[in-house]
Structures are given as C-alpha cells and as structure tokens.
Amino acid sequence: MDTYLVRFAKASGIEGLFTSNNGQVFCHMLTGEIRFELDGKAFILKQGDSIYFNARTPHDAVNNAEGVSELLWIQSPPNF
C-alpha cells in the first residue's frame, strides 16, 4: 500500500501523476476543496469527504479552492 499527502496549489491538479496504477485508490480530503473527475462524472470533495475507485478508471483531480487543498491518497498494491 502506498500513501501520499498531496498538496494542491490554487488551480493545480494531478495531471501526469498516478497514471500507471493498478488496484484500488482511496482518497480522503483533509483541507480545501477538490473537483474530482471519475469516469466522466464530476464530484466536489470538501474537508472530511472520501472517494474510492478502481485505479484503472479514468480520473483527474483539480484544486477548486482559493488556497491550498490537501488530499490523502492511498493506493494498493504499491507502485514499486
């Protein structure tokens, strides 16, 4: 299992990150607000919200807040 604390600057996203994953992903919002795209559907995640999905499902995440947003990203199996 890999665990990451992802900090998003204003309007930044995960483009180019977490692209060759297998398995499952769990994300938990710590602060801020993220617009999460999952298989063509948009979700707004706020502090305390979580999302869980198959890593091969098309996904993207972009900071939707005016300041920094923090997201805990956990994926299994590990990517090494």
N, C-alpha and C. Protein backbone atom coordinates (compact mmCIF):
# COMPACT_ATOMS: atom_id res chain seq x y z
N MET A 1 0.85 -1.17 0.00
CA MET A 1 0.00 0.00 0.00
C MET A 1 0.90 1.24 0.00
N ASP A 2 0.61 2.18 -0.87
CA ASP A 2 1.31 3.47 -0.92
C ASP A 2 0.40 4.54 -0.36
N THR A 3 0.97 5.45 0.41
CA THR A 3 0.20 6.56 0.98
C THR A 3 0.91 7.87 0.66
N TYR A 4 0.14 8.85 0.16
CA TYR A 4 0.68 10.15 -0.21
C TYR A 4 -0.16 11.27 0.39
N LEU A 5 0.51 12.32 0.83
CA LEU A 5 -0.17 13.56 1.18
C LEU A 5 0.03 14.48 -0.01
N VAL A 6 -1.05 14.78 -0.73
CA VAL A 6 -0.97 15.59 -1.93
C VAL A 6 -1.45 17.01 -1.58
N ARG A 7 -0.57 17.99 -1.79
CA ARG A 7 -0.91 19.40 -1.56
C ARG A 7 -1.08 20.07 -2.91
N PHE A 8 -2.24 20.66 -3.10
CA PHE A 8 -2.59 21.33 -4.35
C PHE A 8 -2.51 22.84 -4.17
N ALA A 9 -1.70 23.50 -4.97
CA ALA A 9 -1.73 24.96 -5.02
C ALA A 9 -3.01 25.37 -5.76
N LYS A 10 -3.36 26.63 -5.70
CA LYS A 10 -4.56 27.13 -6.37
C LYS A 10 -4.57 26.70 -7.84
N ALA A 11 -5.67 26.10 -8.26
CA ALA A 11 -5.93 25.67 -9.65
C ALA A 11 -5.01 24.56 -10.14
N SER A 12 -4.20 23.94 -9.27
CA SER A 12 -3.32 22.85 -9.72
C SER A 12 -4.06 21.52 -9.64
N GLY A 13 -3.51 20.51 -10.31
CA GLY A 13 -4.13 19.20 -10.34
C GLY A 13 -3.12 18.08 -10.32
N ILE A 14 -3.59 16.87 -10.62
CA ILE A 14 -2.72 15.69 -10.59
C ILE A 14 -2.28 15.24 -11.98
N GLU A 15 -2.44 16.09 -12.96
CA GLU A 15 -2.07 15.72 -14.32
C GLU A 15 -0.65 15.14 -14.35
N GLY A 16 -0.53 13.94 -14.91
CA GLY A 16 0.77 13.29 -15.02
C GLY A 16 1.17 12.46 -13.80
N LEU A 17 0.43 12.55 -12.70
CA LEU A 17 0.71 11.76 -11.51
C LEU A 17 -0.26 10.59 -11.42
N PHE A 18 0.17 9.52 -10.81
CA PHE A 18 -0.68 8.35 -10.56
C PHE A 18 -1.32 7.83 -11.85
N THR A 19 -0.55 7.75 -12.92
CA THR A 19 -1.11 7.37 -14.22
C THR A 19 -0.96 5.88 -14.54
N SER A 20 -0.02 5.18 -13.93
CA SER A 20 0.19 3.78 -14.28
C SER A 20 -0.13 2.86 -13.11
N ASN A 21 -1.25 3.12 -12.46
CA ASN A 21 -1.62 2.35 -11.28
C ASN A 21 -2.49 1.16 -11.61
N ASN A 22 -2.41 0.17 -10.77
CA ASN A 22 -3.31 -0.97 -10.78
C ASN A 22 -3.94 -1.03 -9.40
N GLY A 23 -4.99 -1.80 -9.25
CA GLY A 23 -5.57 -1.99 -7.93
C GLY A 23 -6.63 -0.95 -7.59
N GLN A 24 -6.61 -0.53 -6.32
CA GLN A 24 -7.64 0.36 -5.78
C GLN A 24 -7.03 1.64 -5.23
N VAL A 25 -7.84 2.71 -5.24
CA VAL A 25 -7.41 4.00 -4.70
C VAL A 25 -8.47 4.48 -3.72
N PHE A 26 -8.01 5.00 -2.58
CA PHE A 26 -8.87 5.64 -1.59
C PHE A 26 -8.31 7.04 -1.37
N CYS A 27 -9.16 8.07 -1.44
CA CYS A 27 -8.74 9.45 -1.19
C CYS A 27 -9.60 10.04 -0.09
N HIS A 28 -8.97 10.81 0.79
CA HIS A 28 -9.69 11.48 1.87
C HIS A 28 -9.25 12.94 1.92
N MET A 29 -10.22 13.84 1.86
CA MET A 29 -9.94 15.28 1.88
C MET A 29 -9.60 15.74 3.29
N LEU A 30 -8.45 16.41 3.43
CA LEU A 30 -8.04 16.94 4.72
C LEU A 30 -8.42 18.41 4.84
N THR A 31 -8.13 19.20 3.81
CA THR A 31 -8.48 20.63 3.81
C THR A 31 -8.80 21.07 2.39
N GLY A 32 -9.57 22.14 2.27
CA GLY A 32 -9.84 22.73 0.97
C GLY A 32 -10.99 22.06 0.23
N GLU A 33 -10.91 22.13 -1.10
CA GLU A 33 -11.96 21.60 -1.97
C GLU A 33 -11.34 21.15 -3.28
N ILE A 34 -11.64 19.93 -3.70
CA ILE A 34 -11.10 19.36 -4.93
C ILE A 34 -12.25 18.99 -5.85
N ARG A 35 -12.12 19.36 -7.12
CA ARG A 35 -13.06 18.88 -8.15
C ARG A 35 -12.47 17.59 -8.68
N PHE A 36 -13.15 16.50 -8.42
CA PHE A 36 -12.67 15.18 -8.77
C PHE A 36 -13.47 14.65 -9.94
N GLU A 37 -12.80 14.30 -11.02
CA GLU A 37 -13.45 13.71 -12.21
C GLU A 37 -13.18 12.21 -12.16
N LEU A 38 -14.24 11.42 -12.22
CA LEU A 38 -14.12 9.98 -12.17
C LEU A 38 -15.02 9.36 -13.23
N ASP A 39 -14.39 8.79 -14.24
CA ASP A 39 -15.11 8.12 -15.34
C ASP A 39 -16.16 9.04 -15.97
N GLY A 40 -15.76 10.31 -16.19
CA GLY A 40 -16.63 11.27 -16.86
C GLY A 40 -17.63 11.98 -15.97
N LYS A 41 -17.64 11.67 -14.67
CA LYS A 41 -18.55 12.32 -13.73
C LYS A 41 -17.75 13.21 -12.79
N ALA A 42 -18.29 14.37 -12.45
CA ALA A 42 -17.59 15.33 -11.59
C ALA A 42 -18.16 15.26 -10.17
N PHE A 43 -17.25 15.31 -9.21
CA PHE A 43 -17.61 15.33 -7.79
C PHE A 43 -16.82 16.45 -7.12
N ILE A 44 -17.45 17.17 -6.23
CA ILE A 44 -16.75 18.17 -5.42
C ILE A 44 -16.50 17.56 -4.05
N LEU A 45 -15.23 17.41 -3.71
CA LEU A 45 -14.86 16.85 -2.41
C LEU A 45 -14.42 17.98 -1.49
N LYS A 46 -14.98 18.00 -0.29
CA LYS A 46 -14.64 19.00 0.72
C LYS A 46 -14.06 18.29 1.94
N GLN A 47 -13.56 19.06 2.88
CA GLN A 47 -12.94 18.51 4.08
C GLN A 47 -13.82 17.43 4.70
N GLY A 48 -13.22 16.25 4.93
CA GLY A 48 -13.93 15.13 5.52
C GLY A 48 -14.53 14.16 4.52
N ASP A 49 -14.63 14.55 3.24
CA ASP A 49 -15.17 13.67 2.20
C ASP A 49 -14.12 12.65 1.76
N SER A 50 -14.60 11.50 1.26
CA SER A 50 -13.74 10.45 0.76
C SER A 50 -14.28 9.92 -0.56
N ILE A 51 -13.39 9.29 -1.34
CA ILE A 51 -13.78 8.64 -2.58
C ILE A 51 -12.91 7.40 -2.75
N TYR A 52 -13.49 6.35 -3.33
CA TYR A 52 -12.82 5.07 -3.51
C TYR A 52 -13.11 4.58 -4.92
N PHE A 53 -12.07 4.11 -5.65
CA PHE A 53 -12.30 3.69 -7.03
C PHE A 53 -11.20 2.76 -7.51
N ASN A 54 -11.48 2.08 -8.62
CA ASN A 54 -10.51 1.24 -9.30
C ASN A 54 -9.49 2.17 -9.97
N ALA A 55 -8.20 1.90 -9.78
CA ALA A 55 -7.14 2.78 -10.29
C ALA A 55 -7.14 2.91 -11.81
N ARG A 56 -7.68 1.93 -12.52
CA ARG A 56 -7.71 2.00 -13.98
C ARG A 56 -8.87 2.85 -14.50
N THR A 57 -9.78 3.25 -13.64
CA THR A 57 -10.88 4.12 -14.05
C THR A 57 -10.30 5.50 -14.36
N PRO A 58 -10.64 6.09 -15.50
CA PRO A 58 -10.14 7.44 -15.81
C PRO A 58 -10.49 8.41 -14.69
N HIS A 59 -9.47 9.16 -14.23
CA HIS A 59 -9.69 10.08 -13.11
C HIS A 59 -8.77 11.30 -13.22
N ASP A 60 -9.21 12.37 -12.57
CA ASP A 60 -8.44 13.61 -12.50
C ASP A 60 -8.90 14.36 -11.27
N ALA A 61 -8.04 15.19 -10.72
CA ALA A 61 -8.39 15.99 -9.56
C ALA A 61 -7.74 17.36 -9.70
N VAL A 62 -8.52 18.42 -9.44
CA VAL A 62 -8.03 19.80 -9.55
C VAL A 62 -8.50 20.58 -8.32
N ASN A 63 -7.61 21.41 -7.79
CA ASN A 63 -7.97 22.24 -6.64
C ASN A 63 -9.05 23.22 -7.05
N ASN A 64 -10.13 23.22 -6.32
CA ASN A 64 -11.28 24.08 -6.59
C ASN A 64 -11.36 25.23 -5.58
N ALA A 65 -10.40 25.29 -4.65
CA ALA A 65 -10.41 26.29 -3.58
C ALA A 65 -9.51 27.48 -3.94
N GLU A 66 -9.67 28.55 -3.20
CA GLU A 66 -8.84 29.75 -3.42
C GLU A 66 -7.43 29.58 -2.86
N GLY A 67 -7.27 28.70 -1.89
CA GLY A 67 -5.95 28.47 -1.28
C GLY A 67 -5.49 27.05 -1.53
N VAL A 68 -4.62 26.56 -0.65
CA VAL A 68 -4.08 25.22 -0.74
C VAL A 68 -5.13 24.20 -0.28
N SER A 69 -5.20 23.08 -0.98
CA SER A 69 -6.04 21.95 -0.58
C SER A 69 -5.13 20.75 -0.34
N GLU A 70 -5.49 19.91 0.65
CA GLU A 70 -4.70 18.73 0.96
C GLU A 70 -5.58 17.49 0.88
N LEU A 71 -5.02 16.46 0.24
CA LEU A 71 -5.73 15.22 -0.01
C LEU A 71 -4.82 14.05 0.39
N LEU A 72 -5.35 13.12 1.16
CA LEU A 72 -4.64 11.90 1.48
C LEU A 72 -4.98 10.88 0.40
N TRP A 73 -3.97 10.39 -0.31
CA TRP A 73 -4.14 9.48 -1.44
C TRP A 73 -3.51 8.14 -1.07
N ILE A 74 -4.32 7.07 -1.03
CA ILE A 74 -3.83 5.75 -0.65
C ILE A 74 -4.15 4.80 -1.79
N GLN A 75 -3.13 4.05 -2.24
CA GLN A 75 -3.35 3.10 -3.32
C GLN A 75 -2.74 1.76 -2.97
N SER A 76 -3.40 0.72 -3.42
CA SER A 76 -2.94 -0.63 -3.19
C SER A 76 -3.19 -1.45 -4.45
N PRO A 77 -2.24 -2.26 -4.89
CA PRO A 77 -0.95 -2.52 -4.30
C PRO A 77 0.02 -1.37 -4.54
N PRO A 78 1.16 -1.39 -3.83
CA PRO A 78 2.14 -0.31 -4.01
C PRO A 78 2.70 -0.28 -5.43
N ASN A 79 3.24 0.85 -5.80
CA ASN A 79 3.71 1.10 -7.17
C ASN A 79 5.25 1.10 -7.22
N PHE A 80 5.87 0.02 -6.80
CA PHE A 80 7.34 -0.03 -6.87
C PHE A 80 7.83 -1.30 -7.50
